[in-house]
């Protein structure tokens, strides 16, 4: 089940997500939208994006390791696609093949390369036109 994120989930996510710092979830940001995917009322997936006027900047898609490759990230992406926007952009590490495959599956195209975006690792800037 997908539900809108609230701070009840923060401690759990903070303990289980080590790929990025989840403290940004507590920022007072009127553009930030977060959804969690629950299994037995436990959050095992998260999608976070900024909805800025007519476009989205995808921040994170995360699924707990034990639940990956079961379609959860796809369900979270489809939830984001319900927004009425002109395009969605994201940055992804050039070496993150599973994320690249997910994004390409949903029509994202590489727009450019951001050199040293993740420290010494490059990232692709990807875009999906929605209208």
C-alpha atoms as a PDB file:
ATOM      1  CA  UNK A   1       0.000   0.000   0.000  1.00  0.00           C
ATOM      2  CA  UNK A   2       1.274   3.492  -0.857  1.00  0.00           C
ATOM      3  CA  UNK A   3       0.627   6.281   1.636  1.00  0.00           C
ATOM      4  CA  UNK A   4       1.768   9.868   1.960  1.00  0.00           C
ATOM      5  CA  UNK A   5       4.838  10.152   4.170  1.00  0.00           C
ATOM      6  CA  UNK A   6       4.531  11.625   7.634  1.00  0.00           C
ATOM      7  CA  UNK A   7       7.002  11.915  10.504  1.00  0.00           C
ATOM      8  CA  UNK A   8       5.710   8.694  12.088  1.00  0.00           C
ATOM      9  CA  UNK A   9       7.868   6.864   9.531  1.00  0.00           C
ATOM     10  CA  UNK A  10      10.988   8.962  10.096  1.00  0.00           C
ATOM     11  CA  UNK A  11      12.707   6.887  12.808  1.00  0.00           C
ATOM     12  CA  UNK A  12      12.160   3.659  10.904  1.00  0.00           C
ATOM     13  CA  UNK A  13      13.468   5.083   7.641  1.00  0.00           C
ATOM     14  CA  UNK A  14      16.388   6.751   9.405  1.00  0.00           C
ATOM     15  CA  UNK A  15      17.422   3.354  10.828  1.00  0.00           C
ATOM     16  CA  UNK A  16      17.029   1.399   7.579  1.00  0.00           C
ATOM     17  CA  UNK A  17      18.173   3.716   4.826  1.00  0.00           C
ATOM     18  CA  UNK A  18      21.922   4.076   4.582  1.00  0.00           C
ATOM     19  CA  UNK A  19      22.127   5.081   0.914  1.00  0.00           C
ATOM     20  CA  UNK A  20      21.286   8.719   1.685  1.00  0.00           C
ATOM     21  CA  UNK A  21      20.537  11.063   4.583  1.00  0.00           C
ATOM     22  CA  UNK A  22      16.809  11.033   5.283  1.00  0.00           C
ATOM     23  CA  UNK A  23      16.943  14.118   7.521  1.00  0.00           C
ATOM     24  CA  UNK A  24      15.787  16.202   4.535  1.00  0.00           C
ATOM     25  CA  UNK A  25      12.335  14.600   5.036  1.00  0.00           C
ATOM     26  CA  UNK A  26      11.869  16.794   8.103  1.00  0.00           C
ATOM     27  CA  UNK A  27      12.669  20.058   6.311  1.00  0.00           C
ATOM     28  CA  UNK A  28       9.911  22.567   5.904  1.00  0.00           C
ATOM     29  CA  UNK A  29       9.820  22.457   2.118  1.00  0.00           C
ATOM     30  CA  UNK A  30       6.447  23.219   0.507  1.00  0.00           C
ATOM     31  CA  UNK A  31       7.548  21.604  -2.775  1.00  0.00           C
ATOM     32  CA  UNK A  32       8.677  18.244  -1.341  1.00  0.00           C
ATOM     33  CA  UNK A  33       6.322  15.265  -1.710  1.00  0.00           C
ATOM     34  CA  UNK A  34       7.098  11.867  -0.207  1.00  0.00           C
ATOM     35  CA  UNK A  35       5.280   8.563  -0.370  1.00  0.00           C
ATOM     36  CA  UNK A  36       6.104   5.320   1.392  1.00  0.00           C
ATOM     37  CA  UNK A  37       5.240   1.793   0.369  1.00  0.00           C
ATOM     38  CA  UNK A  38       3.993  -0.224   3.332  1.00  0.00           C
ATOM     39  CA  UNK A  39       3.981  -3.970   3.913  1.00  0.00           C
ATOM     40  CA  UNK A  40       2.207  -4.917   7.152  1.00  0.00           C
ATOM     41  CA  UNK A  41       2.339  -1.225   8.140  1.00  0.00           C
ATOM     42  CA  UNK A  42       6.143  -1.193   7.822  1.00  0.00           C
ATOM     43  CA  UNK A  43       7.689   1.203   5.284  1.00  0.00           C
ATOM     44  CA  UNK A  44       9.835  -0.764   2.857  1.00  0.00           C
ATOM     45  CA  UNK A  45       9.914   1.755   0.005  1.00  0.00           C
ATOM     46  CA  UNK A  46      10.076   5.511  -0.473  1.00  0.00           C
ATOM     47  CA  UNK A  47       9.757   7.965  -3.321  1.00  0.00           C
ATOM     48  CA  UNK A  48      10.645  11.589  -2.799  1.00  0.00           C
ATOM     49  CA  UNK A  49      10.266  14.371  -5.334  1.00  0.00           C
ATOM     50  CA  UNK A  50       9.928  18.112  -5.575  1.00  0.00           C
ATOM     51  CA  UNK A  51       6.847  19.343  -7.399  1.00  0.00           C
ATOM     52  CA  UNK A  52       7.814  22.796  -8.620  1.00  0.00           C
ATOM     53  CA  UNK A  53       4.993  24.441 -10.551  1.00  0.00           C
ATOM     54  CA  UNK A  54       4.677  22.327 -13.725  1.00  0.00           C
ATOM     55  CA  UNK A  55       7.672  20.004 -13.301  1.00  0.00           C
ATOM     56  CA  UNK A  56       9.087  17.363 -10.960  1.00  0.00           C
ATOM     57  CA  UNK A  57      12.628  16.834  -9.768  1.00  0.00           C
ATOM     58  CA  UNK A  58      12.914  13.231  -8.578  1.00  0.00           C
ATOM     59  CA  UNK A  59      15.024  13.149  -5.426  1.00  0.00           C
ATOM     60  CA  UNK A  60      15.029   9.489  -4.346  1.00  0.00           C
ATOM     61  CA  UNK A  61      13.501   6.122  -5.014  1.00  0.00           C
ATOM     62  CA  UNK A  62      14.446   3.582  -2.363  1.00  0.00           C
ATOM     63  CA  UNK A  63      13.308   0.032  -1.649  1.00  0.00           C
ATOM     64  CA  UNK A  64      14.592  -2.065   1.245  1.00  0.00           C
ATOM     65  CA  UNK A  65      17.115  -4.618  -0.023  1.00  0.00           C
ATOM     66  CA  UNK A  66      14.975  -7.696   0.776  1.00  0.00           C
ATOM     67  CA  UNK A  67      12.069  -6.318  -1.290  1.00  0.00           C
ATOM     68  CA  UNK A  68      13.903  -5.185  -4.410  1.00  0.00           C
ATOM     69  CA  UNK A  69      13.034  -6.548  -7.864  1.00  0.00           C
ATOM     70  CA  UNK A  70       9.403  -7.106  -6.841  1.00  0.00           C
ATOM     71  CA  UNK A  71       7.839  -4.127  -8.640  1.00  0.00           C
ATOM     72  CA  UNK A  72       7.711  -1.780  -5.644  1.00  0.00           C
ATOM     73  CA  UNK A  73       9.867   0.938  -7.234  1.00  0.00           C
ATOM     74  CA  UNK A  74       7.643   0.734 -10.322  1.00  0.00           C
ATOM     75  CA  UNK A  75       4.523   1.237  -8.208  1.00  0.00           C
ATOM     76  CA  UNK A  76       6.098   4.244  -6.523  1.00  0.00           C
ATOM     77  CA  UNK A  77       7.109   5.698  -9.897  1.00  0.00           C
ATOM     78  CA  UNK A  78       3.561   5.249 -11.207  1.00  0.00           C
ATOM     79  CA  UNK A  79       2.257   7.133  -8.170  1.00  0.00           C
ATOM     80  CA  UNK A  80       4.536  10.049  -9.071  1.00  0.00           C
ATOM     81  CA  UNK A  81       3.349   9.900 -12.704  1.00  0.00           C
ATOM     82  CA  UNK A  82      -0.173  10.769 -11.495  1.00  0.00           C
ATOM     83  CA  UNK A  83       0.984  14.383 -11.086  1.00  0.00           C
ATOM     84  CA  UNK A  84       0.047  16.698 -13.950  1.00  0.00           C
ATOM     85  CA  UNK A  85       3.439  18.072 -15.010  1.00  0.00           C
ATOM     86  CA  UNK A  86       5.311  18.883 -18.207  1.00  0.00           C
ATOM     87  CA  UNK A  87       8.451  16.907 -17.351  1.00  0.00           C
ATOM     88  CA  UNK A  88      10.377  15.009 -14.716  1.00  0.00           C
ATOM     89  CA  UNK A  89      14.131  15.263 -14.262  1.00  0.00           C
ATOM     90  CA  UNK A  90      16.586  13.354 -12.109  1.00  0.00           C
ATOM     91  CA  UNK A  91      20.275  12.697 -11.588  1.00  0.00           C
ATOM     92  CA  UNK A  92      21.584   9.141 -11.343  1.00  0.00           C
ATOM     93  CA  UNK A  93      25.067   7.733 -10.952  1.00  0.00           C
ATOM     94  CA  UNK A  94      26.459   6.440 -14.244  1.00  0.00           C
ATOM     95  CA  UNK A  95      27.292   3.150 -12.477  1.00  0.00           C
ATOM     96  CA  UNK A  96      23.825   2.546 -10.959  1.00  0.00           C
ATOM     97  CA  UNK A  97      22.624   0.056 -13.557  1.00  0.00           C
ATOM     98  CA  UNK A  98      19.473  -1.030 -11.727  1.00  0.00           C
ATOM     99  CA  UNK A  99      18.264   2.574 -11.384  1.00  0.00           C
ATOM    100  CA  UNK A 100      19.210   3.362 -14.991  1.00  0.00           C
ATOM    101  CA  UNK A 101      17.212   0.358 -16.173  1.00  0.00           C
ATOM    102  CA  UNK A 102      14.193   1.448 -14.114  1.00  0.00           C
ATOM    103  CA  UNK A 103      14.303   4.995 -15.454  1.00  0.00           C
ATOM    104  CA  UNK A 104      14.793   3.888 -19.061  1.00  0.00           C
ATOM    105  CA  UNK A 105      11.876   1.470 -18.671  1.00  0.00           C
ATOM    106  CA  UNK A 106       9.683   4.483 -17.903  1.00  0.00           C
ATOM    107  CA  UNK A 107      10.878   6.610 -20.786  1.00  0.00           C
ATOM    108  CA  UNK A 108      13.592   8.732 -19.197  1.00  0.00           C
ATOM    109  CA  UNK A 109      16.332   9.823 -21.607  1.00  0.00           C
ATOM    110  CA  UNK A 110      19.865  10.960 -20.844  1.00  0.00           C
ATOM    111  CA  UNK A 111      20.023  14.727 -21.376  1.00  0.00           C
ATOM    112  CA  UNK A 112      23.603  15.347 -20.251  1.00  0.00           C
ATOM    113  CA  UNK A 113      26.410  14.209 -17.970  1.00  0.00           C
ATOM    114  CA  UNK A 114      27.163  15.977 -14.703  1.00  0.00           C
ATOM    115  CA  UNK A 115      30.872  15.525 -14.093  1.00  0.00           C
ATOM    116  CA  UNK A 116      31.893  14.573 -10.549  1.00  0.00           C
ATOM    117  CA  UNK A 117      28.306  14.978  -9.356  1.00  0.00           C
ATOM    118  CA  UNK A 118      28.724  12.283  -6.695  1.00  0.00           C
ATOM    119  CA  UNK A 119      32.213  13.179  -5.515  1.00  0.00           C
ATOM    120  CA  UNK A 120      34.458  11.596  -8.101  1.00  0.00           C
ATOM    121  CA  UNK A 121      31.634   9.814  -9.905  1.00  0.00           C
ATOM    122  CA  UNK A 122      29.686  11.278 -12.800  1.00  0.00           C
ATOM    123  CA  UNK A 123      25.907  11.322 -13.022  1.00  0.00           C
ATOM    124  CA  UNK A 124      23.462  11.383 -15.863  1.00  0.00           C
ATOM    125  CA  UNK A 125      20.866  14.108 -15.948  1.00  0.00           C
ATOM    126  CA  UNK A 126      17.766  12.343 -17.242  1.00  0.00           C
ATOM    127  CA  UNK A 127      14.428  13.728 -18.358  1.00  0.00           C
ATOM    128  CA  UNK A 128      11.003  12.393 -19.188  1.00  0.00           C
ATOM    129  CA  UNK A 129       8.582  14.630 -21.050  1.00  0.00           C
ATOM    130  CA  UNK A 130       5.047  14.191 -19.741  1.00  0.00           C
ATOM    131  CA  UNK A 131       2.907  16.344 -22.045  1.00  0.00           C
END
